[in-house]
Amino acid sequence: MAMLIIVQVQQQWFNYTEKVDRMIEEAFRLNVKWSLQELSRAISGDGKSGPNPLFKVQVILENDKVHFVSLLVLL
């Protein structure tokens, strides 16, 4: 009898963790999808307005050398 209860409890925990895993997986998938849509909207514009720059990089040509100047704070 005690063994049957242990097996039932283990099965309930297994079912619960499987359900939680599916919920977390779905939430993660939706979050990634939403983030990519927001990034796409930022890059391409939303149809009402044009695209906005995501960051600014200053490029300087000096003595046949290219210097990239970008401050992480400004990105």
N, C-alpha and C. Protein backbone atom coordinates (compact mmCIF):
# COMPACT_ATOMS: atom_id res chain seq x y z
N MET A 1 0.82 -1.20 0.00
CA MET A 1 0.00 0.00 0.00
C MET A 1 0.86 1.26 0.00
N ALA A 2 1.88 1.31 0.86
CA ALA A 2 2.76 2.48 0.94
C ALA A 2 3.51 2.67 -0.38
N MET A 3 3.90 1.58 -1.00
CA MET A 3 4.62 1.67 -2.27
C MET A 3 3.72 2.25 -3.36
N LEU A 4 2.45 1.90 -3.35
CA LEU A 4 1.49 2.42 -4.32
C LEU A 4 1.34 3.93 -4.16
N ILE A 5 1.29 4.40 -2.93
CA ILE A 5 1.18 5.85 -2.67
C ILE A 5 2.42 6.57 -3.16
N ILE A 6 3.59 5.99 -2.91
CA ILE A 6 4.85 6.59 -3.37
C ILE A 6 4.86 6.69 -4.89
N VAL A 7 4.45 5.66 -5.56
CA VAL A 7 4.41 5.65 -7.02
C VAL A 7 3.43 6.71 -7.52
N GLN A 8 2.28 6.84 -6.86
CA GLN A 8 1.29 7.84 -7.27
C GLN A 8 1.82 9.25 -7.07
N VAL A 9 2.49 9.48 -5.96
CA VAL A 9 3.07 10.81 -5.69
C VAL A 9 4.14 11.13 -6.72
N GLN A 10 4.98 10.16 -7.03
CA GLN A 10 6.02 10.37 -8.04
C GLN A 10 5.39 10.70 -9.39
N GLN A 11 4.33 10.02 -9.75
CA GLN A 11 3.65 10.28 -11.02
C GLN A 11 3.05 11.68 -11.04
N GLN A 12 2.46 12.10 -9.92
CA GLN A 12 1.88 13.44 -9.84
C GLN A 12 2.97 14.51 -9.99
N TRP A 13 4.10 14.29 -9.31
CA TRP A 13 5.21 15.24 -9.45
C TRP A 13 5.74 15.27 -10.88
N PHE A 14 5.85 14.11 -11.48
CA PHE A 14 6.31 14.05 -12.87
C PHE A 14 5.36 14.83 -13.78
N ASN A 15 4.06 14.60 -13.63
CA ASN A 15 3.07 15.31 -14.43
C ASN A 15 3.15 16.82 -14.20
N TYR A 16 3.31 17.22 -12.95
CA TYR A 16 3.39 18.64 -12.61
C TYR A 16 4.62 19.28 -13.24
N THR A 17 5.78 18.63 -13.12
CA THR A 17 7.00 19.21 -13.68
C THR A 17 6.95 19.26 -15.20
N GLU A 18 6.32 18.28 -15.83
CA GLU A 18 6.15 18.31 -17.28
C GLU A 18 5.29 19.50 -17.69
N LYS A 19 4.21 19.72 -16.94
CA LYS A 19 3.31 20.84 -17.24
C LYS A 19 4.04 22.18 -17.07
N VAL A 20 4.79 22.32 -15.99
CA VAL A 20 5.54 23.56 -15.75
C VAL A 20 6.60 23.75 -16.83
N ASP A 21 7.28 22.69 -17.22
CA ASP A 21 8.27 22.77 -18.30
C ASP A 21 7.64 23.29 -19.59
N ARG A 22 6.46 22.76 -19.93
CA ARG A 22 5.78 23.22 -21.16
C ARG A 22 5.39 24.69 -21.06
N MET A 23 4.93 25.11 -19.88
CA MET A 23 4.55 26.50 -19.69
C MET A 23 5.75 27.43 -19.82
N ILE A 24 6.87 27.04 -19.22
CA ILE A 24 8.08 27.86 -19.30
C ILE A 24 8.60 27.90 -20.73
N GLU A 25 8.58 26.78 -21.41
CA GLU A 25 9.02 26.72 -22.80
C GLU A 25 8.16 27.64 -23.68
N GLU A 26 6.86 27.62 -23.49
CA GLU A 26 5.96 28.46 -24.27
C GLU A 26 6.19 29.94 -23.96
N ALA A 27 6.38 30.26 -22.69
CA ALA A 27 6.65 31.65 -22.31
C ALA A 27 7.96 32.13 -22.91
N PHE A 28 8.97 31.29 -22.88
CA PHE A 28 10.27 31.65 -23.46
C PHE A 28 10.14 31.86 -24.97
N ARG A 29 9.42 30.95 -25.65
CA ARG A 29 9.23 31.07 -27.09
C ARG A 29 8.49 32.36 -27.44
N LEU A 30 7.45 32.68 -26.71
CA LEU A 30 6.69 33.91 -26.96
C LEU A 30 7.53 35.15 -26.69
N ASN A 31 8.36 35.10 -25.65
CA ASN A 31 9.21 36.24 -25.33
C ASN A 31 10.24 36.48 -26.42
N VAL A 32 10.85 35.42 -26.92
CA VAL A 32 11.83 35.56 -28.01
C VAL A 32 11.13 36.09 -29.26
N LYS A 33 9.96 35.57 -29.57
CA LYS A 33 9.20 36.02 -30.74
C LYS A 33 8.87 37.50 -30.62
N TRP A 34 8.39 37.93 -29.46
CA TRP A 34 8.03 39.32 -29.25
C TRP A 34 9.27 40.22 -29.37
N SER A 35 10.39 39.78 -28.79
CA SER A 35 11.62 40.56 -28.86
C SER A 35 12.10 40.73 -30.29
N LEU A 36 12.03 39.65 -31.08
CA LEU A 36 12.44 39.73 -32.48
C LEU A 36 11.50 40.63 -33.29
N GLN A 37 10.22 40.59 -32.97
CA GLN A 37 9.27 41.48 -33.66
C GLN A 37 9.55 42.93 -33.32
N GLU A 38 9.86 43.22 -32.06
CA GLU A 38 10.19 44.59 -31.66
C GLU A 38 11.47 45.06 -32.35
N LEU A 39 12.46 44.19 -32.43
CA LEU A 39 13.71 44.53 -33.11
C LEU A 39 13.46 44.78 -34.58
N SER A 40 12.66 43.94 -35.22
CA SER A 40 12.31 44.13 -36.63
C SER A 40 11.58 45.45 -36.84
N ARG A 41 10.65 45.76 -35.94
CA ARG A 41 9.90 47.01 -36.03
C ARG A 41 10.84 48.21 -35.87
N ALA A 42 11.81 48.09 -34.97
CA ALA A 42 12.76 49.18 -34.75
C ALA A 42 13.66 49.38 -35.97
N ILE A 43 14.04 48.28 -36.62
CA ILE A 43 14.94 48.37 -37.77
C ILE A 43 14.18 48.82 -39.01
N SER A 44 12.99 48.26 -39.24
CA SER A 44 12.26 48.49 -40.49
C SER A 44 11.24 49.62 -40.41
N GLY A 45 10.88 50.01 -39.23
CA GLY A 45 9.80 50.97 -39.07
C GLY A 45 8.49 50.21 -38.95
N ASP A 46 7.46 50.92 -38.57
CA ASP A 46 6.18 50.26 -38.35
C ASP A 46 5.14 50.58 -39.42
N GLY A 47 5.56 51.18 -40.51
CA GLY A 47 4.63 51.53 -41.58
C GLY A 47 4.13 52.96 -41.44
N LYS A 48 4.06 53.47 -40.23
CA LYS A 48 3.63 54.85 -39.99
C LYS A 48 4.82 55.79 -39.98
N SER A 49 5.95 55.27 -39.57
CA SER A 49 7.16 56.08 -39.53
C SER A 49 8.32 55.25 -40.07
N GLY A 50 9.36 55.95 -40.45
CA GLY A 50 10.53 55.27 -40.99
C GLY A 50 11.33 54.59 -39.91
N PRO A 51 12.35 53.87 -40.31
CA PRO A 51 13.19 53.17 -39.33
C PRO A 51 13.98 54.16 -38.48
N ASN A 52 14.25 53.77 -37.27
CA ASN A 52 15.06 54.57 -36.36
C ASN A 52 16.43 53.92 -36.21
N PRO A 53 17.47 54.72 -36.12
CA PRO A 53 18.80 54.12 -35.91
C PRO A 53 18.85 53.46 -34.54
N LEU A 54 19.50 52.32 -34.49
CA LEU A 54 19.63 51.61 -33.22
C LEU A 54 20.85 52.08 -32.44
N PHE A 55 21.89 52.48 -33.15
CA PHE A 55 23.08 52.98 -32.49
C PHE A 55 23.85 53.84 -33.49
N LYS A 56 24.79 54.59 -32.97
CA LYS A 56 25.58 55.51 -33.80
C LYS A 56 27.06 55.15 -33.67
N VAL A 57 27.71 55.03 -34.80
CA VAL A 57 29.14 54.75 -34.84
C VAL A 57 29.80 55.82 -35.69
N GLN A 58 30.83 56.42 -35.16
CA GLN A 58 31.57 57.45 -35.89
C GLN A 58 32.79 56.79 -36.53
N VAL A 59 32.93 56.98 -37.85
CA VAL A 59 34.05 56.40 -38.59
C VAL A 59 34.90 57.55 -39.11
N ILE A 60 36.19 57.49 -38.82
CA ILE A 60 37.11 58.55 -39.21
C ILE A 60 38.20 57.95 -40.09
N LEU A 61 38.40 58.57 -41.26
CA LEU A 61 39.49 58.17 -42.15
C LEU A 61 40.63 59.16 -41.93
N GLU A 62 41.75 58.66 -41.46
CA GLU A 62 42.88 59.52 -41.13
C GLU A 62 44.17 58.85 -41.54
N ASN A 63 44.90 59.47 -42.43
CA ASN A 63 46.17 58.93 -42.91
C ASN A 63 46.02 57.50 -43.41
N ASP A 64 45.07 57.27 -44.26
CA ASP A 64 44.81 55.97 -44.86
C ASP A 64 44.45 54.89 -43.83
N LYS A 65 44.01 55.30 -42.69
CA LYS A 65 43.57 54.36 -41.66
C LYS A 65 42.14 54.71 -41.25
N VAL A 66 41.39 53.68 -41.00
CA VAL A 66 40.01 53.87 -40.58
C VAL A 66 39.94 53.68 -39.07
N HIS A 67 39.34 54.65 -38.38
CA HIS A 67 39.15 54.58 -36.94
C HIS A 67 37.66 54.57 -36.65
N PHE A 68 37.24 53.60 -35.88
CA PHE A 68 35.86 53.52 -35.46
C PHE A 68 35.77 54.06 -34.03
N VAL A 69 34.88 54.99 -33.84
CA VAL A 69 34.67 55.56 -32.52
C VAL A 69 33.23 55.32 -32.13
N SER A 70 33.05 54.51 -31.11
CA SER A 70 31.70 54.30 -30.58
C SER A 70 31.80 54.11 -29.09
N LEU A 71 31.01 54.84 -28.39
CA LEU A 71 30.99 54.73 -26.93
C LEU A 71 29.86 53.81 -26.53
N LEU A 72 30.17 52.85 -25.72
CA LEU A 72 29.17 51.89 -25.29
C LEU A 72 28.02 52.60 -24.57
N VAL A 73 28.30 53.67 -23.89
CA VAL A 73 27.27 54.41 -23.18
C VAL A 73 26.27 54.98 -24.16
N LEU A 74 26.73 55.38 -25.35
CA LEU A 74 25.84 55.97 -26.34
C LEU A 74 25.05 54.93 -27.13
N LEU A 75 25.48 53.67 -27.09
CA LEU A 75 24.76 52.63 -27.81
C LEU A 75 23.49 52.35 -27.08
